[in-house]
Amino acid sequence: MQLYAGYQSIVTLIIGVVALGCEIFAFVDALRHPENAYAAAGKRTKNFWLLITGVALLFGSISVFNPIGLLGLIAFVGAAVYLADVRPALRQVRGLGGRSTNGW
């Protein structure tokens, strides 16, 4: 059983580090976009998303060894909402990384 517990700890740590990476990426990406891009995309303000992703980063750094706990889940959900909803809208408004129109 000790071997199983060791593997479980390693897997939990890997999940925590990956989640923390997502939270860092979301916060840095929220910093990169200008304020007017958020309004043009029809999303909340830049300060709102910096607050959400910043709190997610704080909670994620606290719960890196327990990513399945309440703080870890809150942190990941905050970053995931930004990455899945806000980031694509911002990139589309700014003309970054969209699909090409010629089919390639």
PDB file of N, CA and C in Angstrom:
ATOM      1  N   MET A   1       0.817  -1.197   0.000  1.00  0.00           N
ATOM      2  CA  MET A   1       0.000   0.000   0.000  1.00  0.00           C
ATOM      3  C   MET A   1       0.864   1.265   0.000  1.00  0.00           C
ATOM      4  N   GLN A   2       2.071   1.178   0.539  1.00  0.00           N
ATOM      5  CA  GLN A   2       2.932   2.355   0.530  1.00  0.00           C
ATOM      6  C   GLN A   2       3.332   2.743  -0.892  1.00  0.00           C
ATOM      7  N   LEU A   3       3.511   1.732  -1.740  1.00  0.00           N
ATOM      8  CA  LEU A   3       3.860   2.009  -3.123  1.00  0.00           C
ATOM      9  C   LEU A   3       2.715   2.743  -3.822  1.00  0.00           C
ATOM     10  N   TYR A   4       1.492   2.306  -3.561  1.00  0.00           N
ATOM     11  CA  TYR A   4       0.308   2.960  -4.129  1.00  0.00           C
ATOM     12  C   TYR A   4       0.203   4.405  -3.642  1.00  0.00           C
ATOM     13  N   ALA A   5       0.451   4.620  -2.370  1.00  0.00           N
ATOM     14  CA  ALA A   5       0.385   5.975  -1.816  1.00  0.00           C
ATOM     15  C   ALA A   5       1.463   6.861  -2.435  1.00  0.00           C
ATOM     16  N   GLY A   6       2.609   6.296  -2.718  1.00  0.00           N
ATOM     17  CA  GLY A   6       3.671   7.062  -3.367  1.00  0.00           C
ATOM     18  C   GLY A   6       3.275   7.495  -4.770  1.00  0.00           C
ATOM     19  N   TYR A   7       2.687   6.568  -5.535  1.00  0.00           N
ATOM     20  CA  TYR A   7       2.220   6.906  -6.879  1.00  0.00           C
ATOM     21  C   TYR A   7       1.107   7.941  -6.831  1.00  0.00           C
ATOM     22  N   GLN A   8       0.226   7.779  -5.865  1.00  0.00           N
ATOM     23  CA  GLN A   8      -0.882   8.726  -5.736  1.00  0.00           C
ATOM     24  C   GLN A   8      -0.359  10.129  -5.433  1.00  0.00           C
ATOM     25  N   SER A   9       0.648  10.232  -4.599  1.00  0.00           N
ATOM     26  CA  SER A   9       1.235  11.539  -4.284  1.00  0.00           C
ATOM     27  C   SER A   9       1.893  12.160  -5.508  1.00  0.00           C
ATOM     28  N   ILE A  10       2.562  11.338  -6.287  1.00  0.00           N
ATOM     29  CA  ILE A  10       3.226  11.852  -7.484  1.00  0.00           C
ATOM     30  C   ILE A  10       2.193  12.338  -8.501  1.00  0.00           C
ATOM     31  N   VAL A  11       1.137  11.564  -8.705  1.00  0.00           N
ATOM     32  CA  VAL A  11       0.097  11.961  -9.649  1.00  0.00           C
ATOM     33  C   VAL A  11      -0.598  13.238  -9.179  1.00  0.00           C
ATOM     34  N   THR A  12      -0.874  13.331  -7.900  1.00  0.00           N
ATOM     35  CA  THR A  12      -1.503  14.534  -7.351  1.00  0.00           C
ATOM     36  C   THR A  12      -0.608  15.750  -7.536  1.00  0.00           C
ATOM     37  N   LEU A  13       0.678  15.585  -7.324  1.00  0.00           N
ATOM     38  CA  LEU A  13       1.623  16.687  -7.512  1.00  0.00           C
ATOM     39  C   LEU A  13       1.677  17.104  -8.981  1.00  0.00           C
ATOM     40  N   ILE A  14       1.671  16.137  -9.887  1.00  0.00           N
ATOM     41  CA  ILE A  14       1.690  16.459 -11.319  1.00  0.00           C
ATOM     42  C   ILE A  14       0.434  17.233 -11.702  1.00  0.00           C
ATOM     43  N   ILE A  15      -0.713  16.799 -11.205  1.00  0.00           N
ATOM     44  CA  ILE A  15      -1.969  17.519 -11.483  1.00  0.00           C
ATOM     45  C   ILE A  15      -1.886  18.939 -10.936  1.00  0.00           C
ATOM     46  N   GLY A  16      -1.347  19.102  -9.742  1.00  0.00           N
ATOM     47  CA  GLY A  16      -1.214  20.425  -9.143  1.00  0.00           C
ATOM     48  C   GLY A  16      -0.292  21.337  -9.932  1.00  0.00           C
ATOM     49  N   VAL A  17       0.812  20.796 -10.422  1.00  0.00           N
ATOM     50  CA  VAL A  17       1.766  21.601 -11.187  1.00  0.00           C
ATOM     51  C   VAL A  17       1.161  22.000 -12.538  1.00  0.00           C
ATOM     52  N   VAL A  18       0.460  21.070 -13.188  1.00  0.00           N
ATOM     53  CA  VAL A  18      -0.185  21.392 -14.464  1.00  0.00           C
ATOM     54  C   VAL A  18      -1.264  22.455 -14.254  1.00  0.00           C
ATOM     55  N   ALA A  19      -2.054  22.310 -13.199  1.00  0.00           N
ATOM     56  CA  ALA A  19      -3.088  23.305 -12.909  1.00  0.00           C
ATOM     57  C   ALA A  19      -2.458  24.670 -12.626  1.00  0.00           C
ATOM     58  N   LEU A  20      -1.372  24.686 -11.869  1.00  0.00           N
ATOM     59  CA  LEU A  20      -0.673  25.943 -11.590  1.00  0.00           C
ATOM     60  C   LEU A  20      -0.136  26.559 -12.881  1.00  0.00           C
ATOM     61  N   GLY A  21       0.353  25.739 -13.780  1.00  0.00           N
ATOM     62  CA  GLY A  21       0.817  26.239 -15.076  1.00  0.00           C
ATOM     63  C   GLY A  21      -0.308  26.902 -15.856  1.00  0.00           C
ATOM     64  N   CYS A  22      -1.491  26.294 -15.829  1.00  0.00           N
ATOM     65  CA  CYS A  22      -2.658  26.888 -16.499  1.00  0.00           C
ATOM     66  C   CYS A  22      -3.022  28.226 -15.865  1.00  0.00           C
ATOM     67  N   GLU A  23      -2.941  28.305 -14.555  1.00  0.00           N
ATOM     68  CA  GLU A  23      -3.287  29.535 -13.852  1.00  0.00           C
ATOM     69  C   GLU A  23      -2.273  30.642 -14.136  1.00  0.00           C
ATOM     70  N   ILE A  24      -1.008  30.294 -14.195  1.00  0.00           N
ATOM     71  CA  ILE A  24       0.022  31.277 -14.542  1.00  0.00           C
ATOM     72  C   ILE A  24      -0.194  31.771 -15.966  1.00  0.00           C
ATOM     73  N   PHE A  25      -0.436  30.839 -16.888  1.00  0.00           N
ATOM     74  CA  PHE A  25      -0.651  31.200 -18.280  1.00  0.00           C
ATOM     75  C   PHE A  25      -1.863  32.121 -18.431  1.00  0.00           C
ATOM     76  N   ALA A  26      -2.950  31.813 -17.738  1.00  0.00           N
ATOM     77  CA  ALA A  26      -4.160  32.637 -17.817  1.00  0.00           C
ATOM     78  C   ALA A  26      -3.887  34.049 -17.306  1.00  0.00           C
ATOM     79  N   PHE A  27      -3.162  34.175 -16.188  1.00  0.00           N
ATOM     80  CA  PHE A  27      -2.878  35.494 -15.627  1.00  0.00           C
ATOM     81  C   PHE A  27      -1.991  36.309 -16.559  1.00  0.00           C
ATOM     82  N   VAL A  28      -0.942  35.700 -17.082  1.00  0.00           N
ATOM     83  CA  VAL A  28      -0.029  36.416 -17.983  1.00  0.00           C
ATOM     84  C   VAL A  28      -0.753  36.813 -19.268  1.00  0.00           C
ATOM     85  N   ASP A  29      -1.598  35.920 -19.770  1.00  0.00           N
ATOM     86  CA  ASP A  29      -2.347  36.245 -20.978  1.00  0.00           C
ATOM     87  C   ASP A  29      -3.330  37.388 -20.729  1.00  0.00           C
ATOM     88  N   ALA A  30      -3.960  37.416 -19.568  1.00  0.00           N
ATOM     89  CA  ALA A  30      -4.872  38.511 -19.233  1.00  0.00           C
ATOM     90  C   ALA A  30      -4.123  39.839 -19.151  1.00  0.00           C
ATOM     91  N   LEU A  31      -2.880  39.809 -18.725  1.00  0.00           N
ATOM     92  CA  LEU A  31      -2.065  41.026 -18.674  1.00  0.00           C
ATOM     93  C   LEU A  31      -1.722  41.548 -20.066  1.00  0.00           C
ATOM     94  N   ARG A  32      -1.546  40.664 -21.015  1.00  0.00           N
ATOM     95  CA  ARG A  32      -1.055  41.037 -22.346  1.00  0.00           C
ATOM     96  C   ARG A  32      -2.061  41.802 -23.192  1.00  0.00           C
ATOM     97  N   HIS A  33      -3.331  41.552 -23.001  1.00  0.00           N
ATOM     98  CA  HIS A  33      -4.338  42.166 -23.869  1.00  0.00           C
ATOM     99  C   HIS A  33      -4.708  43.558 -23.368  1.00  0.00           C
ATOM    100  N   PRO A  34      -4.929  44.503 -24.290  1.00  0.00           N
ATOM    101  CA  PRO A  34      -5.289  45.862 -23.880  1.00  0.00           C
ATOM    102  C   PRO A  34      -6.726  45.930 -23.350  1.00  0.00           C
ATOM    103  N   GLU A  35      -6.991  46.949 -22.582  1.00  0.00           N
ATOM    104  CA  GLU A  35      -8.308  47.135 -21.947  1.00  0.00           C
ATOM    105  C   GLU A  35      -9.433  47.185 -22.968  1.00  0.00           C
ATOM    106  N   ASN A  36      -9.213  47.878 -24.063  1.00  0.00           N
ATOM    107  CA  ASN A  36     -10.294  48.042 -25.042  1.00  0.00           C
ATOM    108  C   ASN A  36     -10.648  46.735 -25.763  1.00  0.00           C
ATOM    109  N   ALA A  37      -9.751  45.770 -25.786  1.00  0.00           N
ATOM    110  CA  ALA A  37     -10.047  44.478 -26.420  1.00  0.00           C
ATOM    111  C   ALA A  37     -11.121  43.729 -25.634  1.00  0.00           C
ATOM    112  N   TYR A  38     -11.128  43.875 -24.330  1.00  0.00           N
ATOM    113  CA  TYR A  38     -12.141  43.213 -23.502  1.00  0.00           C
ATOM    114  C   TYR A  38     -13.531  43.766 -23.813  1.00  0.00           C
ATOM    115  N   ALA A  39     -13.627  45.082 -23.942  1.00  0.00           N
ATOM    116  CA  ALA A  39     -14.919  45.695 -24.263  1.00  0.00           C
ATOM    117  C   ALA A  39     -15.356  45.319 -25.680  1.00  0.00           C
ATOM    118  N   ALA A  40     -14.418  45.301 -26.610  1.00  0.00           N
ATOM    119  CA  ALA A  40     -14.746  44.956 -27.994  1.00  0.00           C
ATOM    120  C   ALA A  40     -15.205  43.503 -28.114  1.00  0.00           C
ATOM    121  N   ALA A  41     -14.692  42.639 -27.257  1.00  0.00           N
ATOM    122  CA  ALA A  41     -15.071  41.225 -27.282  1.00  0.00           C
ATOM    123  C   ALA A  41     -16.367  40.975 -26.518  1.00  0.00           C
ATOM    124  N   GLY A  42     -16.881  42.005 -25.845  1.00  0.00           N
ATOM    125  CA  GLY A  42     -18.120  41.848 -25.088  1.00  0.00           C
ATOM    126  C   GLY A  42     -17.918  41.103 -23.772  1.00  0.00           C
ATOM    127  N   LYS A  43     -16.735  41.201 -23.226  1.00  0.00           N
ATOM    128  CA  LYS A  43     -16.411  40.534 -21.961  1.00  0.00           C
ATOM    129  C   LYS A  43     -16.294  41.570 -20.849  1.00  0.00           C
ATOM    130  N   ARG A  44     -16.171  41.100 -19.619  1.00  0.00           N
ATOM    131  CA  ARG A  44     -15.982  42.015 -18.489  1.00  0.00           C
ATOM    132  C   ARG A  44     -14.664  42.757 -18.651  1.00  0.00           C
ATOM    133  N   THR A  45     -14.371  43.661 -17.747  1.00  0.00           N
ATOM    134  CA  THR A  45     -13.188  44.522 -17.874  1.00  0.00           C
ATOM    135  C   THR A  45     -11.899  43.747 -17.639  1.00  0.00           C
ATOM    136  N   LYS A  46     -10.811  44.369 -18.061  1.00  0.00           N
ATOM    137  CA  LYS A  46      -9.496  43.766 -17.866  1.00  0.00           C
ATOM    138  C   LYS A  46      -9.212  43.601 -16.384  1.00  0.00           C
ATOM    139  N   ASN A  47      -9.550  44.615 -15.583  1.00  0.00           N
ATOM    140  CA  ASN A  47      -9.303  44.524 -14.141  1.00  0.00           C
ATOM    141  C   ASN A  47     -10.073  43.368 -13.510  1.00  0.00           C
ATOM    142  N   PHE A  48     -11.294  43.114 -13.971  1.00  0.00           N
ATOM    143  CA  PHE A  48     -12.075  41.994 -13.461  1.00  0.00           C
ATOM    144  C   PHE A  48     -11.354  40.675 -13.739  1.00  0.00           C
ATOM    145  N   TRP A  49     -10.894  40.490 -14.979  1.00  0.00           N
ATOM    146  CA  TRP A  49     -10.235  39.225 -15.319  1.00  0.00           C
ATOM    147  C   TRP A  49      -8.854  39.115 -14.700  1.00  0.00           C
ATOM    148  N   LEU A  50      -8.185  40.234 -14.487  1.00  0.00           N
ATOM    149  CA  LEU A  50      -6.919  40.183 -13.750  1.00  0.00           C
ATOM    150  C   LEU A  50      -7.159  39.770 -12.295  1.00  0.00           C
ATOM    151  N   LEU A  51      -8.252  40.253 -11.717  1.00  0.00           N
ATOM    152  CA  LEU A  51      -8.598  39.855 -10.354  1.00  0.00           C
ATOM    153  C   LEU A  51      -8.925  38.358 -10.292  1.00  0.00           C
ATOM    154  N   ILE A  52      -9.753  37.888 -11.222  1.00  0.00           N
ATOM    155  CA  ILE A  52     -10.134  36.469 -11.230  1.00  0.00           C
ATOM    156  C   ILE A  52      -8.910  35.579 -11.430  1.00  0.00           C
ATOM    157  N   THR A  53      -8.102  35.886 -12.436  1.00  0.00           N
ATOM    158  CA  THR A  53      -6.942  35.030 -12.701  1.00  0.00           C
ATOM    159  C   THR A  53      -5.856  35.212 -11.640  1.00  0.00           C
ATOM    160  N   GLY A  54      -5.760  36.391 -11.056  1.00  0.00           N
ATOM    161  CA  GLY A  54      -4.798  36.605  -9.969  1.00  0.00           C
ATOM    162  C   GLY A  54      -5.163  35.824  -8.720  1.00  0.00           C
ATOM    163  N   VAL A  55      -6.440  35.837  -8.362  1.00  0.00           N
ATOM    164  CA  VAL A  55      -6.898  35.039  -7.218  1.00  0.00           C
ATOM    165  C   VAL A  55      -6.732  33.554  -7.521  1.00  0.00           C
ATOM    166  N   ALA A  56      -7.016  33.167  -8.768  1.00  0.00           N
ATOM    167  CA  ALA A  56      -6.814  31.769  -9.165  1.00  0.00           C
ATOM    168  C   ALA A  56      -5.347  31.378  -9.019  1.00  0.00           C
ATOM    169  N   LEU A  57      -4.454  32.263  -9.424  1.00  0.00           N
ATOM    170  CA  LEU A  57      -3.021  32.000  -9.288  1.00  0.00           C
ATOM    171  C   LEU A  57      -2.617  31.902  -7.816  1.00  0.00           C
ATOM    172  N   LEU A  58      -3.146  32.780  -6.991  1.00  0.00           N
ATOM    173  CA  LEU A  58      -2.851  32.730  -5.557  1.00  0.00           C
ATOM    174  C   LEU A  58      -3.345  31.428  -4.942  1.00  0.00           C
ATOM    175  N   PHE A  59      -4.610  31.089  -5.199  1.00  0.00           N
ATOM    176  CA  PHE A  59      -5.168  29.850  -4.647  1.00  0.00           C
ATOM    177  C   PHE A  59      -4.446  28.627  -5.206  1.00  0.00           C
ATOM    178  N   GLY A  60      -4.092  28.666  -6.483  1.00  0.00           N
ATOM    179  CA  GLY A  60      -3.384  27.544  -7.096  1.00  0.00           C
ATOM    180  C   GLY A  60      -2.004  27.338  -6.520  1.00  0.00           C
ATOM    181  N   SER A  61      -1.315  28.436  -6.200  1.00  0.00           N
ATOM    182  CA  SER A  61       0.014  28.300  -5.608  1.00  0.00           C
ATOM    183  C   SER A  61      -0.060  27.788  -4.177  1.00  0.00           C
ATOM    184  N   ILE A  62      -1.152  28.108  -3.492  1.00  0.00           N
ATOM    185  CA  ILE A  62      -1.337  27.594  -2.132  1.00  0.00           C
ATOM    186  C   ILE A  62      -1.676  26.114  -2.151  1.00  0.00           C
ATOM    187  N   SER A  63      -2.450  25.694  -3.152  1.00  0.00           N
ATOM    188  CA  SER A  63      -2.966  24.325  -3.157  1.00  0.00           C
ATOM    189  C   SER A  63      -2.285  23.428  -4.180  1.00  0.00           C
ATOM    190  N   VAL A  64      -1.033  23.702  -4.525  1.00  0.00           N
ATOM    191  CA  VAL A  64      -0.347  22.890  -5.527  1.00  0.00           C
ATOM    192  C   VAL A  64      -0.185  21.436  -5.074  1.00  0.00           C
ATOM    193  N   PHE A  65      -0.108  21.187  -3.783  1.00  0.00           N
ATOM    194  CA  PHE A  65       0.018  19.815  -3.283  1.00  0.00           C
ATOM    195  C   PHE A  65      -1.336  19.171  -3.030  1.00  0.00           C
ATOM    196  N   ASN A  66      -2.414  19.952  -3.129  1.00  0.00           N
ATOM    197  CA  ASN A  66      -3.763  19.427  -2.956  1.00  0.00           C
ATOM    198  C   ASN A  66      -4.691  20.077  -3.990  1.00  0.00           C
ATOM    199  N   PRO A  67      -4.484  19.767  -5.274  1.00  0.00           N
ATOM    200  CA  PRO A  67      -5.254  20.450  -6.315  1.00  0.00           C
ATOM    201  C   PRO A  67      -6.710  20.025  -6.378  1.00  0.00           C
ATOM    202  N   ILE A  68      -7.058  18.952  -5.708  1.00  0.00           N
ATOM    203  CA  ILE A  68      -8.425  18.462  -5.755  1.00  0.00           C
ATOM    204  C   ILE A  68      -9.239  19.017  -4.587  1.00  0.00           C
ATOM    205  N   GLY A  69      -8.608  19.778  -3.722  1.00  0.00           N
ATOM    206  CA  GLY A  69      -9.320  20.436  -2.630  1.00  0.00           C
ATOM    207  C   GLY A  69     -10.124  21.625  -3.143  1.00  0.00           C
ATOM    208  N   LEU A  70     -10.872  22.247  -2.265  1.00  0.00           N
ATOM    209  CA  LEU A  70     -11.759  23.342  -2.643  1.00  0.00           C
ATOM    210  C   LEU A  70     -11.007  24.511  -3.278  1.00  0.00           C
ATOM    211  N   LEU A  71      -9.907  24.951  -2.669  1.00  0.00           N
ATOM    212  CA  LEU A  71      -9.156  26.081  -3.227  1.00  0.00           C
ATOM    213  C   LEU A  71      -8.559  25.738  -4.583  1.00  0.00           C
ATOM    214  N   GLY A  72      -8.055  24.535  -4.715  1.00  0.00           N
ATOM    215  CA  GLY A  72      -7.480  24.107  -5.989  1.00  0.00           C
ATOM    216  C   GLY A  72      -8.507  24.074  -7.098  1.00  0.00           C
ATOM    217  N   LEU A  73      -9.697  23.592  -6.784  1.00  0.00           N
ATOM    218  CA  LEU A  73     -10.757  23.533  -7.791  1.00  0.00           C
ATOM    219  C   LEU A  73     -11.249  24.929  -8.174  1.00  0.00           C
ATOM    220  N   ILE A  74     -11.401  25.806  -7.184  1.00  0.00           N
ATOM    221  CA  ILE A  74     -11.803  27.185  -7.460  1.00  0.00           C
ATOM    222  C   ILE A  74     -10.762  27.858  -8.356  1.00  0.00           C
ATOM    223  N   ALA A  75      -9.499  27.647  -8.052  1.00  0.00           N
ATOM    224  CA  ALA A  75      -8.427  28.253  -8.835  1.00  0.00           C
ATOM    225  C   ALA A  75      -8.458  27.761 -10.274  1.00  0.00           C
ATOM    226  N   PHE A  76      -8.587  26.469 -10.453  1.00  0.00           N
ATOM    227  CA  PHE A  76      -8.568  25.928 -11.810  1.00  0.00           C
ATOM    228  C   PHE A  76      -9.796  26.357 -12.604  1.00  0.00           C
ATOM    229  N   VAL A  77     -10.946  26.399 -11.975  1.00  0.00           N
ATOM    230  CA  VAL A  77     -12.165  26.814 -12.679  1.00  0.00           C
ATOM    231  C   VAL A  77     -12.051  28.272 -13.129  1.00  0.00           C
ATOM    232  N   GLY A  78     -11.521  29.138 -12.274  1.00  0.00           N
ATOM    233  CA  GLY A  78     -11.340  30.542 -12.661  1.00  0.00           C
ATOM    234  C   GLY A  78     -10.438  30.689 -13.873  1.00  0.00           C
ATOM    235  N   ALA A  79      -9.316  29.980 -13.866  1.00  0.00           N
ATOM    236  CA  ALA A  79      -8.393  30.044 -15.004  1.00  0.00           C
ATOM    237  C   ALA A  79      -8.994  29.383 -16.235  1.00  0.00           C
ATOM    238  N   ALA A  80      -9.713  28.287 -16.041  1.00  0.00           N
ATOM    239  CA  ALA A  80     -10.300  27.566 -17.177  1.00  0.00           C
ATOM    240  C   ALA A  80     -11.382  28.387 -17.871  1.00  0.00           C
ATOM    241  N   VAL A  81     -12.176  29.114 -17.112  1.00  0.00           N
ATOM    242  CA  VAL A  81     -13.203  29.969 -17.716  1.00  0.00           C
ATOM    243  C   VAL A  81     -12.537  31.042 -18.567  1.00  0.00           C
ATOM    244  N   TYR A  82     -11.485  31.645 -18.046  1.00  0.00           N
ATOM    245  CA  TYR A  82     -10.777  32.650 -18.839  1.00  0.00           C
ATOM    246  C   TYR A  82     -10.209  32.029 -20.114  1.00  0.00           C
ATOM    247  N   LEU A  83      -9.545  30.891 -19.978  1.00  0.00           N
ATOM    248  CA  LEU A  83      -8.888  30.283 -21.137  1.00  0.00           C
ATOM    249  C   LEU A  83      -9.882  29.752 -22.172  1.00  0.00           C
ATOM    250  N   ALA A  84     -11.024  29.271 -21.730  1.00  0.00           N
ATOM    251  CA  ALA A  84     -11.985  28.680 -22.657  1.00  0.00           C
ATOM    252  C   ALA A  84     -12.939  29.696 -23.270  1.00  0.00           C
ATOM    253  N   ASP A  85     -13.218  30.787 -22.579  1.00  0.00           N
ATOM    254  CA  ASP A  85     -14.225  31.729 -23.067  1.00  0.00           C
ATOM    255  C   ASP A  85     -13.635  33.086 -23.438  1.00  0.00           C
ATOM    256  N   VAL A  86     -12.883  33.675 -22.553  1.00  0.00           N
ATOM    257  CA  VAL A  86     -12.422  35.053 -22.749  1.00  0.00           C
ATOM    258  C   VAL A  86     -11.247  35.113 -23.722  1.00  0.00           C
ATOM    259  N   ARG A  87     -10.272  34.264 -23.550  1.00  0.00           N
ATOM    260  CA  ARG A  87      -9.075  34.300 -24.397  1.00  0.00           C
ATOM    261  C   ARG A  87      -9.401  34.136 -25.883  1.00  0.00           C
ATOM    262  N   PRO A  88     -10.224  33.147 -26.282  1.00  0.00           N
ATOM    263  CA  PRO A  88     -10.539  33.047 -27.711  1.00  0.00           C
ATOM    264  C   PRO A  88     -11.249  34.295 -28.260  1.00  0.00           C
ATOM    265  N   ALA A  89     -12.121  34.890 -27.459  1.00  0.00           N
ATOM    266  CA  ALA A  89     -12.818  36.100 -27.904  1.00  0.00           C
ATOM    267  C   ALA A  89     -11.832  37.257 -28.066  1.00  0.00           C
ATOM    268  N   LEU A  90     -10.898  37.385 -27.144  1.00  0.00           N
ATOM    269  CA  LEU A  90      -9.897  38.447 -27.246  1.00  0.00           C
ATOM    270  C   LEU A  90      -9.001  38.242 -28.457  1.00  0.00           C
ATOM    271  N   ARG A  91      -8.603  37.018 -28.699  1.00  0.00           N
ATOM    272  CA  ARG A  91      -7.743  36.728 -29.852  1.00  0.00           C
ATOM    273  C   ARG A  91      -8.484  36.995 -31.160  1.00  0.00           C
ATOM    274  N   GLN A  92      -9.762  36.704 -31.200  1.00  0.00           N
ATOM    275  CA  GLN A  92     -10.536  36.952 -32.407  1.00  0.00           C
ATOM    276  C   GLN A  92     -10.677  38.452 -32.661  1.00  0.00           C
ATOM    277  N   VAL A  93     -10.945  39.215 -31.614  1.00  0.00           N
ATOM    278  CA  VAL A  93     -11.086  40.670 -31.750  1.00  0.00           C
ATOM    279  C   VAL A  93      -9.772  41.290 -32.206  1.00  0.00           C
ATOM    280  N   ARG A  94      -8.676  40.810 -31.687  1.00  0.00           N
ATOM    281  CA  ARG A  94      -7.367  41.375 -32.031  1.00  0.00           C
ATOM    282  C   ARG A  94      -6.794  40.793 -33.311  1.00  0.00           C
ATOM    283  N   GLY A  95      -7.448  39.775 -33.885  1.00  0.00           N
ATOM    284  CA  GLY A  95      -6.966  39.176 -35.129  1.00  0.00           C
ATOM    285  C   GLY A  95      -5.750  38.295 -34.933  1.00  0.00           C
ATOM    286  N   LEU A  96      -5.647  37.664 -33.789  1.00  0.00           N
ATOM    287  CA  LEU A  96      -4.505  36.800 -33.485  1.00  0.00           C
ATOM    288  C   LEU A  96      -4.898  35.334 -33.611  1.00  0.00           C
ATOM    289  N   GLY A  97      -4.156  34.581 -34.373  1.00  0.00           N
ATOM    290  CA  GLY A  97      -4.298  33.134 -34.402  1.00  0.00           C
ATOM    291  C   GLY A  97      -5.626  32.598 -34.868  1.00  0.00           C
ATOM    292  N   GLY A  98      -6.351  33.369 -35.639  1.00  0.00           N
ATOM    293  CA  GLY A  98      -7.625  32.869 -36.145  1.00  0.00           C
ATOM    294  C   GLY A  98      -7.420  31.910 -37.302  1.00  0.00           C
ATOM    295  N   ARG A  99      -8.480  31.279 -37.726  1.00  0.00           N
ATOM    296  CA  ARG A  99      -8.408  30.379 -38.865  1.00  0.00           C
ATOM    297  C   ARG A  99      -8.267  31.201 -40.144  1.00  0.00           C
ATOM    298  N   SER A 100      -7.523  30.651 -41.089  1.00  0.00           N
ATOM    299  CA  SER A 100      -7.366  31.355 -42.350  1.00  0.00           C
ATOM    300  C   SER A 100      -8.620  31.159 -43.204  1.00  0.00           C
ATOM    301  N   THR A 101      -8.879  32.090 -44.087  1.00  0.00           N
ATOM    302  CA  THR A 101     -10.084  32.031 -44.916  1.00  0.00           C
ATOM    303  C   THR A 101      -9.875  31.258 -46.208  1.00  0.00           C
ATOM    304  N   ASN A 102      -8.621  30.915 -46.517  1.00  0.00           N
ATOM    305  CA  ASN A 102      -8.372  30.201 -47.775  1.00  0.00           C
ATOM    306  C   ASN A 102      -8.370  28.687 -47.608  1.00  0.00           C
ATOM    307  N   GLY A 103      -8.743  28.184 -46.439  1.00  0.00           N
ATOM    308  CA  GLY A 103      -8.860  26.749 -46.233  1.00  0.00           C
ATOM    309  C   GLY A 103      -7.583  26.037 -45.820  1.00  0.00           C
ATOM    310  N   TRP A 104      -6.514  26.721 -45.654  1.00  0.00           N
ATOM    311  CA  TRP A 104      -5.261  26.080 -45.247  1.00  0.00           C
ATOM    312  C   TRP A 104      -5.156  26.089 -43.795  1.00  0.00           C
TER     313      TRP A 104
END
